[in-house]
């Protein structure tokens, strides 16, 4: 439930004029991507740097890594902004990585 709320907030933040139907479609797409993406999601949060949803991915042979819930599961905040918006958000530092709030 928490993840769905984060995804809805991100959809409305990205496009305040979005319809409920469009927002639900975006949430469904994101959830389907999570299911298909390899690795086990252990927790969800909001990135403390860019305020978009992030998830913890734990692969069997590695420590947990936080990724943004964009189409590419980007680690970097600026890269995730391109995946969401189709253009770079220059207000985000290129060095910023997904970090839970």
PDB file of N, CA and C in Angstrom:
ATOM      1  N   UNK A   1       0.820  -1.193   0.000  1.00  0.00           N
ATOM      2  CA  UNK A   1       0.000   0.000   0.000  1.00  0.00           C
ATOM      3  C   UNK A   1       0.866   1.260   0.000  1.00  0.00           C
ATOM      4  N   UNK A   2       1.931   1.244   0.811  1.00  0.00           N
ATOM      5  CA  UNK A   2       2.825   2.398   0.889  1.00  0.00           C
ATOM      6  C   UNK A   2       3.459   2.683  -0.467  1.00  0.00           C
ATOM      7  N   UNK A   3       3.863   1.630  -1.164  1.00  0.00           N
ATOM      8  CA  UNK A   3       4.457   1.798  -2.486  1.00  0.00           C
ATOM      9  C   UNK A   3       3.459   2.444  -3.440  1.00  0.00           C
ATOM     10  N   UNK A   4       2.222   1.979  -3.430  1.00  0.00           N
ATOM     11  CA  UNK A   4       1.204   2.543  -4.322  1.00  0.00           C
ATOM     12  C   UNK A   4       1.014   4.034  -4.051  1.00  0.00           C
ATOM     13  N   UNK A   5       1.024   4.428  -2.801  1.00  0.00           N
ATOM     14  CA  UNK A   5       0.887   5.846  -2.464  1.00  0.00           C
ATOM     15  C   UNK A   5       2.074   6.647  -2.972  1.00  0.00           C
ATOM     16  N   UNK A   6       3.280   6.117  -2.801  1.00  0.00           N
ATOM     17  CA  UNK A   6       4.472   6.799  -3.315  1.00  0.00           C
ATOM     18  C   UNK A   6       4.399   6.956  -4.836  1.00  0.00           C
ATOM     19  N   UNK A   7       3.962   5.914  -5.524  1.00  0.00           N
ATOM     20  CA  UNK A   7       3.868   5.969  -6.981  1.00  0.00           C
ATOM     21  C   UNK A   7       2.810   6.967  -7.434  1.00  0.00           C
ATOM     22  N   UNK A   8       1.686   7.024  -6.722  1.00  0.00           N
ATOM     23  CA  UNK A   8       0.631   7.993  -7.063  1.00  0.00           C
ATOM     24  C   UNK A   8       1.136   9.416  -6.836  1.00  0.00           C
ATOM     25  N   UNK A   9       1.831   9.647  -5.720  1.00  0.00           N
ATOM     26  CA  UNK A   9       2.386  10.969  -5.443  1.00  0.00           C
ATOM     27  C   UNK A   9       3.364  11.386  -6.532  1.00  0.00           C
ATOM     28  N   UNK A  10       4.195  10.467  -6.970  1.00  0.00           N
ATOM     29  CA  UNK A  10       5.169  10.774  -8.016  1.00  0.00           C
ATOM     30  C   UNK A  10       4.463  11.126  -9.320  1.00  0.00           C
ATOM     31  N   UNK A  11       3.410  10.406  -9.652  1.00  0.00           N
ATOM     32  CA  UNK A  11       2.670  10.670 -10.892  1.00  0.00           C
ATOM     33  C   UNK A  11       2.046  12.062 -10.859  1.00  0.00           C
ATOM     34  N   UNK A  12       1.458  12.430  -9.734  1.00  0.00           N
ATOM     35  CA  UNK A  12       0.810  13.741  -9.612  1.00  0.00           C
ATOM     36  C   UNK A  12       1.861  14.845  -9.548  1.00  0.00           C
ATOM     37  N   UNK A  13       2.981  14.597  -8.885  1.00  0.00           N
ATOM     38  CA  UNK A  13       4.061  15.576  -8.815  1.00  0.00           C
ATOM     39  C   UNK A  13       4.609  15.850 -10.211  1.00  0.00           C
ATOM     40  N   UNK A  14       4.749  14.803 -10.993  1.00  0.00           N
ATOM     41  CA  UNK A  14       5.296  14.912 -12.347  1.00  0.00           C
ATOM     42  C   UNK A  14       4.325  15.652 -13.266  1.00  0.00           C
ATOM     43  N   UNK A  15       3.020  15.398 -13.114  1.00  0.00           N
ATOM     44  CA  UNK A  15       2.013  16.015 -13.986  1.00  0.00           C
ATOM     45  C   UNK A  15       0.766  16.319 -13.163  1.00  0.00           C
ATOM     46  N   UNK A  16       0.659  17.535 -12.614  1.00  0.00           N
ATOM     47  CA  UNK A  16      -0.487  17.874 -11.763  1.00  0.00           C
ATOM     48  C   UNK A  16      -1.849  17.753 -12.464  1.00  0.00           C
ATOM     49  N   UNK A  17      -1.850  17.754 -13.797  1.00  0.00           N
ATOM     50  CA  UNK A  17      -3.108  17.655 -14.538  1.00  0.00           C
ATOM     51  C   UNK A  17      -3.475  16.216 -14.894  1.00  0.00           C
ATOM     52  N   UNK A  18      -2.718  15.252 -14.381  1.00  0.00           N
ATOM     53  CA  UNK A  18      -2.954  13.847 -14.712  1.00  0.00           C
ATOM     54  C   UNK A  18      -4.332  13.397 -14.203  1.00  0.00           C
ATOM     55  N   UNK A  19      -4.989  12.557 -14.994  1.00  0.00           N
ATOM     56  CA  UNK A  19      -6.273  12.015 -14.548  1.00  0.00           C
ATOM     57  C   UNK A  19      -6.035  10.809 -13.633  1.00  0.00           C
ATOM     58  N   UNK A  20      -7.032  10.452 -12.871  1.00  0.00           N
ATOM     59  CA  UNK A  20      -6.917   9.290 -11.985  1.00  0.00           C
ATOM     60  C   UNK A  20      -6.642   8.030 -12.799  1.00  0.00           C
ATOM     61  N   UNK A  21      -7.287   7.903 -13.935  1.00  0.00           N
ATOM     62  CA  UNK A  21      -7.096   6.734 -14.799  1.00  0.00           C
ATOM     63  C   UNK A  21      -5.642   6.639 -15.291  1.00  0.00           C
ATOM     64  N   UNK A  22      -5.078   7.776 -15.690  1.00  0.00           N
ATOM     65  CA  UNK A  22      -3.687   7.792 -16.151  1.00  0.00           C
ATOM     66  C   UNK A  22      -2.729   7.469 -15.006  1.00  0.00           C
ATOM     67  N   UNK A  23      -2.998   8.011 -13.819  1.00  0.00           N
ATOM     68  CA  UNK A  23      -2.145   7.748 -12.661  1.00  0.00           C
ATOM     69  C   UNK A  23      -2.171   6.270 -12.289  1.00  0.00           C
ATOM     70  N   UNK A  24      -3.352   5.675 -12.313  1.00  0.00           N
ATOM     71  CA  UNK A  24      -3.475   4.248 -12.009  1.00  0.00           C
ATOM     72  C   UNK A  24      -2.719   3.420 -13.038  1.00  0.00           C
ATOM     73  N   UNK A  25      -2.793   3.811 -14.307  1.00  0.00           N
ATOM     74  CA  UNK A  25      -2.060   3.095 -15.355  1.00  0.00           C
ATOM     75  C   UNK A  25      -0.554   3.169 -15.104  1.00  0.00           C
ATOM     76  N   UNK A  26      -0.055   4.333 -14.658  1.00  0.00           N
ATOM     77  CA  UNK A  26       1.368   4.466 -14.350  1.00  0.00           C
ATOM     78  C   UNK A  26       1.768   3.590 -13.170  1.00  0.00           C
ATOM     79  N   UNK A  27       0.915   3.523 -12.165  1.00  0.00           N
ATOM     80  CA  UNK A  27       1.191   2.682 -11.001  1.00  0.00           C
ATOM     81  C   UNK A  27       1.247   1.217 -11.422  1.00  0.00           C
ATOM     82  N   UNK A  28       0.283   0.791 -12.228  1.00  0.00           N
ATOM     83  CA  UNK A  28       0.280  -0.602 -12.714  1.00  0.00           C
ATOM     84  C   UNK A  28       1.552  -0.927 -13.484  1.00  0.00           C
ATOM     85  N   UNK A  29       1.967  -0.005 -14.363  1.00  0.00           N
ATOM     86  CA  UNK A  29       3.179  -0.217 -15.152  1.00  0.00           C
ATOM     87  C   UNK A  29       4.397  -0.345 -14.238  1.00  0.00           C
ATOM     88  N   UNK A  30       4.484   0.503 -13.244  1.00  0.00           N
ATOM     89  CA  UNK A  30       5.621   0.459 -12.317  1.00  0.00           C
ATOM     90  C   UNK A  30       5.637  -0.848 -11.529  1.00  0.00           C
ATOM     91  N   UNK A  31       4.479  -1.290 -11.082  1.00  0.00           N
ATOM     92  CA  UNK A  31       4.398  -2.531 -10.310  1.00  0.00           C
ATOM     93  C   UNK A  31       4.761  -3.722 -11.194  1.00  0.00           C
ATOM     94  N   UNK A  32       4.277  -3.732 -12.431  1.00  0.00           N
ATOM     95  CA  UNK A  32       4.638  -4.813 -13.355  1.00  0.00           C
ATOM     96  C   UNK A  32       6.153  -4.838 -13.573  1.00  0.00           C
ATOM     97  N   UNK A  33       6.762  -3.657 -13.686  1.00  0.00           N
ATOM     98  CA  UNK A  33       8.207  -3.583 -13.849  1.00  0.00           C
ATOM     99  C   UNK A  33       8.942  -4.128 -12.633  1.00  0.00           C
ATOM    100  N   UNK A  34       8.418  -3.854 -11.464  1.00  0.00           N
ATOM    101  CA  UNK A  34       9.029  -4.385 -10.241  1.00  0.00           C
ATOM    102  C   UNK A  34       9.000  -5.902 -10.224  1.00  0.00           C
ATOM    103  N   UNK A  35       7.891  -6.454 -10.652  1.00  0.00           N
ATOM    104  CA  UNK A  35       7.747  -7.910 -10.653  1.00  0.00           C
ATOM    105  C   UNK A  35       8.726  -8.543 -11.638  1.00  0.00           C
ATOM    106  N   UNK A  36       8.898  -7.894 -12.801  1.00  0.00           N
ATOM    107  CA  UNK A  36       9.776  -8.443 -13.829  1.00  0.00           C
ATOM    108  C   UNK A  36      11.254  -8.229 -13.525  1.00  0.00           C
ATOM    109  N   UNK A  37      11.580  -7.131 -12.847  1.00  0.00           N
ATOM    110  CA  UNK A  37      12.983  -6.791 -12.583  1.00  0.00           C
ATOM    111  C   UNK A  37      13.590  -7.794 -11.604  1.00  0.00           C
ATOM    112  N   UNK A  38      14.774  -8.270 -11.942  1.00  0.00           N
ATOM    113  CA  UNK A  38      15.383  -9.266 -11.069  1.00  0.00           C
ATOM    114  C   UNK A  38      15.875  -8.626  -9.780  1.00  0.00           C
ATOM    115  N   UNK A  39      16.041  -9.452  -8.783  1.00  0.00           N
ATOM    116  CA  UNK A  39      16.431  -8.965  -7.464  1.00  0.00           C
ATOM    117  C   UNK A  39      15.214  -8.889  -6.556  1.00  0.00           C
ATOM    118  N   UNK A  40      15.447  -8.930  -5.303  1.00  0.00           N
ATOM    119  CA  UNK A  40      14.360  -8.926  -4.315  1.00  0.00           C
ATOM    120  C   UNK A  40      14.243  -7.540  -3.696  1.00  0.00           C
ATOM    121  N   UNK A  41      13.060  -6.929  -3.790  1.00  0.00           N
ATOM    122  CA  UNK A  41      12.835  -5.633  -3.155  1.00  0.00           C
ATOM    123  C   UNK A  41      12.562  -5.887  -1.679  1.00  0.00           C
ATOM    124  N   UNK A  42      13.340  -5.254  -0.840  1.00  0.00           N
ATOM    125  CA  UNK A  42      13.169  -5.494   0.582  1.00  0.00           C
ATOM    126  C   UNK A  42      12.414  -4.370   1.267  1.00  0.00           C
ATOM    127  N   UNK A  43      12.468  -3.162   0.716  1.00  0.00           N
ATOM    128  CA  UNK A  43      11.715  -2.052   1.305  1.00  0.00           C
ATOM    129  C   UNK A  43      11.576  -0.917   0.301  1.00  0.00           C
ATOM    130  N   UNK A  44      10.651  -0.012   0.602  1.00  0.00           N
ATOM    131  CA  UNK A  44      10.357   1.123  -0.264  1.00  0.00           C
ATOM    132  C   UNK A  44      10.404   2.395   0.563  1.00  0.00           C
ATOM    133  N   UNK A  45      10.755   3.500  -0.086  1.00  0.00           N
ATOM    134  CA  UNK A  45      10.831   4.787   0.601  1.00  0.00           C
ATOM    135  C   UNK A  45      10.761   5.900  -0.441  1.00  0.00           C
ATOM    136  N   UNK A  46      10.921   7.115   0.031  1.00  0.00           N
ATOM    137  CA  UNK A  46      11.048   8.278  -0.831  1.00  0.00           C
ATOM    138  C   UNK A  46      12.495   8.724  -0.773  1.00  0.00           C
ATOM    139  N   UNK A  47      13.067   9.069  -1.913  1.00  0.00           N
ATOM    140  CA  UNK A  47      14.457   9.520  -1.955  1.00  0.00           C
ATOM    141  C   UNK A  47      14.569  10.854  -1.223  1.00  0.00           C
ATOM    142  N   UNK A  48      15.529  10.948  -0.315  1.00  0.00           N
ATOM    143  CA  UNK A  48      15.655  12.176   0.466  1.00  0.00           C
ATOM    144  C   UNK A  48      16.225  13.321  -0.364  1.00  0.00           C
ATOM    145  N   UNK A  49      16.790  13.017  -1.525  1.00  0.00           N
ATOM    146  CA  UNK A  49      17.375  14.070  -2.356  1.00  0.00           C
ATOM    147  C   UNK A  49      16.392  14.607  -3.400  1.00  0.00           C
ATOM    148  N   UNK A  50      15.720  13.724  -4.129  1.00  0.00           N
ATOM    149  CA  UNK A  50      14.842  14.185  -5.214  1.00  0.00           C
ATOM    150  C   UNK A  50      13.360  13.973  -4.918  1.00  0.00           C
ATOM    151  N   UNK A  51      13.037  13.288  -3.826  1.00  0.00           N
ATOM    152  CA  UNK A  51      11.658  13.098  -3.346  1.00  0.00           C
ATOM    153  C   UNK A  51      10.813  12.163  -4.216  1.00  0.00           C
ATOM    154  N   UNK A  52      11.438  11.326  -5.031  1.00  0.00           N
ATOM    155  CA  UNK A  52      10.706  10.345  -5.820  1.00  0.00           C
ATOM    156  C   UNK A  52      10.839   8.971  -5.177  1.00  0.00           C
ATOM    157  N   UNK A  53       9.928   8.050  -5.474  1.00  0.00           N
ATOM    158  CA  UNK A  53       9.960   6.723  -4.857  1.00  0.00           C
ATOM    159  C   UNK A  53      11.228   5.942  -5.195  1.00  0.00           C
ATOM    160  N   UNK A  54      11.741   5.233  -4.195  1.00  0.00           N
ATOM    161  CA  UNK A  54      12.907   4.367  -4.361  1.00  0.00           C
ATOM    162  C   UNK A  54      12.610   3.020  -3.719  1.00  0.00           C
ATOM    163  N   UNK A  55      13.351   2.001  -4.146  1.00  0.00           N
ATOM    164  CA  UNK A  55      13.198   0.665  -3.570  1.00  0.00           C
ATOM    165  C   UNK A  55      14.574   0.080  -3.307  1.00  0.00           C
ATOM    166  N   UNK A  56      14.647  -0.750  -2.311  1.00  0.00           N
ATOM    167  CA  UNK A  56      15.880  -1.450  -1.989  1.00  0.00           C
ATOM    168  C   UNK A  56      15.894  -2.760  -2.768  1.00  0.00           C
ATOM    169  N   UNK A  57      16.991  -3.005  -3.466  1.00  0.00           N
ATOM    170  CA  UNK A  57      17.138  -4.229  -4.240  1.00  0.00           C
ATOM    171  C   UNK A  57      18.262  -5.033  -3.599  1.00  0.00           C
ATOM    172  N   UNK A  58      17.988  -6.269  -3.259  1.00  0.00           N
ATOM    173  CA  UNK A  58      19.023  -7.116  -2.665  1.00  0.00           C
ATOM    174  C   UNK A  58      19.223  -8.325  -3.557  1.00  0.00           C
ATOM    175  N   UNK A  59      20.368  -8.348  -4.214  1.00  0.00           N
ATOM    176  CA  UNK A  59      20.741  -9.499  -5.018  1.00  0.00           C
ATOM    177  C   UNK A  59      21.429 -10.508  -4.105  1.00  0.00           C
ATOM    178  N   UNK A  60      21.358 -11.781  -4.424  1.00  0.00           N
ATOM    179  CA  UNK A  60      21.908 -12.817  -3.545  1.00  0.00           C
ATOM    180  C   UNK A  60      23.378 -12.624  -3.172  1.00  0.00           C
ATOM    181  N   UNK A  61      24.196 -12.109  -4.099  1.00  0.00           N
ATOM    182  CA  UNK A  61      25.634 -12.003  -3.851  1.00  0.00           C
ATOM    183  C   UNK A  61      26.106 -10.587  -3.512  1.00  0.00           C
ATOM    184  N   UNK A  62      25.174  -9.666  -3.277  1.00  0.00           N
ATOM    185  CA  UNK A  62      25.553  -8.281  -3.033  1.00  0.00           C
ATOM    186  C   UNK A  62      24.778  -7.704  -1.862  1.00  0.00           C
ATOM    187  N   UNK A  63      25.250  -6.540  -1.379  1.00  0.00           N
ATOM    188  CA  UNK A  63      24.507  -5.798  -0.375  1.00  0.00           C
ATOM    189  C   UNK A  63      23.323  -5.108  -1.054  1.00  0.00           C
ATOM    190  N   UNK A  64      22.384  -4.650  -0.261  1.00  0.00           N
ATOM    191  CA  UNK A  64      21.213  -3.957  -0.803  1.00  0.00           C
ATOM    192  C   UNK A  64      21.636  -2.664  -1.499  1.00  0.00           C
ATOM    193  N   UNK A  65      20.989  -2.357  -2.603  1.00  0.00           N
ATOM    194  CA  UNK A  65      21.211  -1.143  -3.372  1.00  0.00           C
ATOM    195  C   UNK A  65      19.870  -0.440  -3.526  1.00  0.00           C
ATOM    196  N   UNK A  66      19.854   0.883  -3.362  1.00  0.00           N
ATOM    197  CA  UNK A  66      18.629   1.651  -3.556  1.00  0.00           C
ATOM    198  C   UNK A  66      18.562   2.143  -4.997  1.00  0.00           C
ATOM    199  N   UNK A  67      17.401   1.992  -5.620  1.00  0.00           N
ATOM    200  CA  UNK A  67      17.172   2.448  -6.994  1.00  0.00           C
ATOM    201  C   UNK A  67      15.883   3.254  -7.038  1.00  0.00           C
ATOM    202  N   UNK A  68      15.800   4.146  -8.017  1.00  0.00           N
ATOM    203  CA  UNK A  68      14.560   4.907  -8.235  1.00  0.00           C
ATOM    204  C   UNK A  68      13.570   4.025  -8.981  1.00  0.00           C
ATOM    205  N   UNK A  69      12.313   4.254  -8.763  1.00  0.00           N
ATOM    206  CA  UNK A  69      11.283   3.469  -9.441  1.00  0.00           C
ATOM    207  C   UNK A  69      10.884   4.141 -10.755  1.00  0.00           C
ATOM    208  N   UNK A  70      11.878   4.414 -11.597  1.00  0.00           N
ATOM    209  CA  UNK A  70      11.627   4.895 -12.951  1.00  0.00           C
ATOM    210  C   UNK A  70      11.710   3.689 -13.890  1.00  0.00           C
ATOM    211  N   UNK A  71      11.561   3.902 -15.175  1.00  0.00           N
ATOM    212  CA  UNK A  71      11.555   2.791 -16.122  1.00  0.00           C
ATOM    213  C   UNK A  71      12.868   2.009 -16.141  1.00  0.00           C
ATOM    214  N   UNK A  72      13.981   2.676 -15.806  1.00  0.00           N
ATOM    215  CA  UNK A  72      15.291   2.026 -15.865  1.00  0.00           C
ATOM    216  C   UNK A  72      15.832   1.623 -14.500  1.00  0.00           C
ATOM    217  N   UNK A  73      15.090   1.898 -13.437  1.00  0.00           N
ATOM    218  CA  UNK A  73      15.550   1.624 -12.066  1.00  0.00           C
ATOM    219  C   UNK A  73      16.906   2.281 -11.835  1.00  0.00           C
ATOM    220  N   UNK A  74      16.985   3.555 -12.158  1.00  0.00           N
ATOM    221  CA  UNK A  74      18.225   4.315 -12.067  1.00  0.00           C
ATOM    222  C   UNK A  74      18.664   4.503 -10.622  1.00  0.00           C
ATOM    223  N   UNK A  75      19.967   4.439 -10.398  1.00  0.00           N
ATOM    224  CA  UNK A  75      20.511   4.749  -9.067  1.00  0.00           C
ATOM    225  C   UNK A  75      20.617   6.257  -8.898  1.00  0.00           C
ATOM    226  N   UNK A  76      21.044   6.964  -9.942  1.00  0.00           N
ATOM    227  CA  UNK A  76      21.237   8.408  -9.858  1.00  0.00           C
ATOM    228  C   UNK A  76      19.939   9.190  -9.939  1.00  0.00           C
ATOM    229  N   UNK A  77      19.831  10.239  -9.122  1.00  0.00           N
ATOM    230  CA  UNK A  77      18.626  11.078  -9.112  1.00  0.00           C
ATOM    231  C   UNK A  77      18.425  11.784 -10.453  1.00  0.00           C
ATOM    232  N   UNK A  78      19.513  12.324 -11.013  1.00  0.00           N
ATOM    233  CA  UNK A  78      19.405  13.045 -12.284  1.00  0.00           C
ATOM    234  C   UNK A  78      19.042  12.093 -13.425  1.00  0.00           C
ATOM    235  N   UNK A  79      19.626  10.907 -13.425  1.00  0.00           N
ATOM    236  CA  UNK A  79      19.285   9.907 -14.449  1.00  0.00           C
ATOM    237  C   UNK A  79      17.823   9.503 -14.341  1.00  0.00           C
ATOM    238  N   UNK A  80      17.331   9.355 -13.120  1.00  0.00           N
ATOM    239  CA  UNK A  80      15.932   8.989 -12.920  1.00  0.00           C
ATOM    240  C   UNK A  80      15.005  10.094 -13.419  1.00  0.00           C
ATOM    241  N   UNK A  81      15.437  11.357 -13.297  1.00  0.00           N
ATOM    242  CA  UNK A  81      14.599  12.459 -13.779  1.00  0.00           C
ATOM    243  C   UNK A  81      14.427  12.381 -15.295  1.00  0.00           C
ATOM    244  N   UNK A  82      15.465  11.945 -16.008  1.00  0.00           N
ATOM    245  CA  UNK A  82      15.359  11.802 -17.463  1.00  0.00           C
ATOM    246  C   UNK A  82      14.384  10.682 -17.801  1.00  0.00           C
ATOM    247  N   UNK A  83      14.445   9.572 -17.055  1.00  0.00           N
ATOM    248  CA  UNK A  83      13.531   8.460 -17.285  1.00  0.00           C
ATOM    249  C   UNK A  83      12.079   8.834 -17.038  1.00  0.00           C
ATOM    250  N   UNK A  84      11.843   9.708 -16.079  1.00  0.00           N
ATOM    251  CA  UNK A  84      10.477  10.131 -15.750  1.00  0.00           C
ATOM    252  C   UNK A  84       9.967  11.213 -16.680  1.00  0.00           C
ATOM    253  N   UNK A  85      10.830  12.244 -16.899  1.00  0.00           N
ATOM    254  CA  UNK A  85      10.376  13.463 -17.553  1.00  0.00           C
ATOM    255  C   UNK A  85      10.769  13.587 -19.018  1.00  0.00           C
ATOM    256  N   UNK A  86      11.717  12.750 -19.462  1.00  0.00           N
ATOM    257  CA  UNK A  86      12.189  12.854 -20.834  1.00  0.00           C
ATOM    258  C   UNK A  86      13.218  13.956 -21.028  1.00  0.00           C
ATOM    259  N   UNK A  87      13.623  14.603 -19.945  1.00  0.00           N
ATOM    260  CA  UNK A  87      14.682  15.613 -19.999  1.00  0.00           C
ATOM    261  C   UNK A  87      15.389  15.638 -18.648  1.00  0.00           C
ATOM    262  N   UNK A  88      16.611  16.152 -18.644  1.00  0.00           N
ATOM    263  CA  UNK A  88      17.401  16.180 -17.423  1.00  0.00           C
ATOM    264  C   UNK A  88      16.902  17.282 -16.498  1.00  0.00           C
ATOM    265  N   UNK A  89      16.811  16.975 -15.216  1.00  0.00           N
ATOM    266  CA  UNK A  89      16.496  17.997 -14.212  1.00  0.00           C
ATOM    267  C   UNK A  89      17.834  18.536 -13.712  1.00  0.00           C
ATOM    268  N   UNK A  90      18.230  19.692 -14.235  1.00  0.00           N
ATOM    269  CA  UNK A  90      19.532  20.256 -13.908  1.00  0.00           C
ATOM    270  C   UNK A  90      19.656  20.732 -12.465  1.00  0.00           C
ATOM    271  N   UNK A  91      18.542  20.775 -11.738  1.00  0.00           N
ATOM    272  CA  UNK A  91      18.621  21.165 -10.328  1.00  0.00           C
ATOM    273  C   UNK A  91      19.143  20.021  -9.457  1.00  0.00           C
ATOM    274  N   UNK A  92      19.202  18.813 -10.025  1.00  0.00           N
ATOM    275  CA  UNK A  92      19.693  17.644  -9.286  1.00  0.00           C
ATOM    276  C   UNK A  92      21.176  17.439  -9.578  1.00  0.00           C
ATOM    277  N   UNK A  93      21.968  17.316  -8.532  1.00  0.00           N
ATOM    278  CA  UNK A  93      23.405  17.112  -8.664  1.00  0.00           C
ATOM    279  C   UNK A  93      23.683  15.776  -9.347  1.00  0.00           C
ATOM    280  N   UNK A  94      24.638  15.754 -10.254  1.00  0.00           N
ATOM    281  CA  UNK A  94      24.982  14.528 -10.984  1.00  0.00           C
ATOM    282  C   UNK A  94      25.527  13.436 -10.074  1.00  0.00           C
ATOM    283  N   UNK A  95      26.027  13.798  -8.902  1.00  0.00           N
ATOM    284  CA  UNK A  95      26.606  12.828  -7.971  1.00  0.00           C
ATOM    285  C   UNK A  95      25.563  12.182  -7.060  1.00  0.00           C
ATOM    286  N   UNK A  96      24.342  12.720  -7.013  1.00  0.00           N
ATOM    287  CA  UNK A  96      23.323  12.201  -6.097  1.00  0.00           C
ATOM    288  C   UNK A  96      22.846  10.823  -6.513  1.00  0.00           C
ATOM    289  N   UNK A  97      22.765   9.946  -5.573  1.00  0.00           N
ATOM    290  CA  UNK A  97      22.255   8.577  -5.772  1.00  0.00           C
ATOM    291  C   UNK A  97      21.014   8.392  -4.904  1.00  0.00           C
ATOM    292  N   UNK A  98      20.227   7.384  -5.226  1.00  0.00           N
ATOM    293  CA  UNK A  98      19.023   7.064  -4.453  1.00  0.00           C
ATOM    294  C   UNK A  98      19.389   6.780  -3.001  1.00  0.00           C
ATOM    295  N   UNK A  99      18.768   7.516  -2.095  1.00  0.00           N
ATOM    296  CA  UNK A  99      18.976   7.352  -0.649  1.00  0.00           C
ATOM    297  C   UNK A  99      17.610   7.489   0.019  1.00  0.00           C
ATOM    298  N   UNK A 100      17.220   6.514   0.831  1.00  0.00           N
ATOM    299  CA  UNK A 100      15.905   6.613   1.468  1.00  0.00           C
ATOM    300  C   UNK A 100      15.847   7.766   2.473  1.00  0.00           C
ATOM    301  N   UNK A 101      14.696   8.405   2.543  1.00  0.00           N
ATOM    302  CA  UNK A 101      14.496   9.501   3.518  1.00  0.00           C
ATOM    303  C   UNK A 101      14.270   8.931   4.896  1.00  0.00           C
TER     304      UNK A 101
END
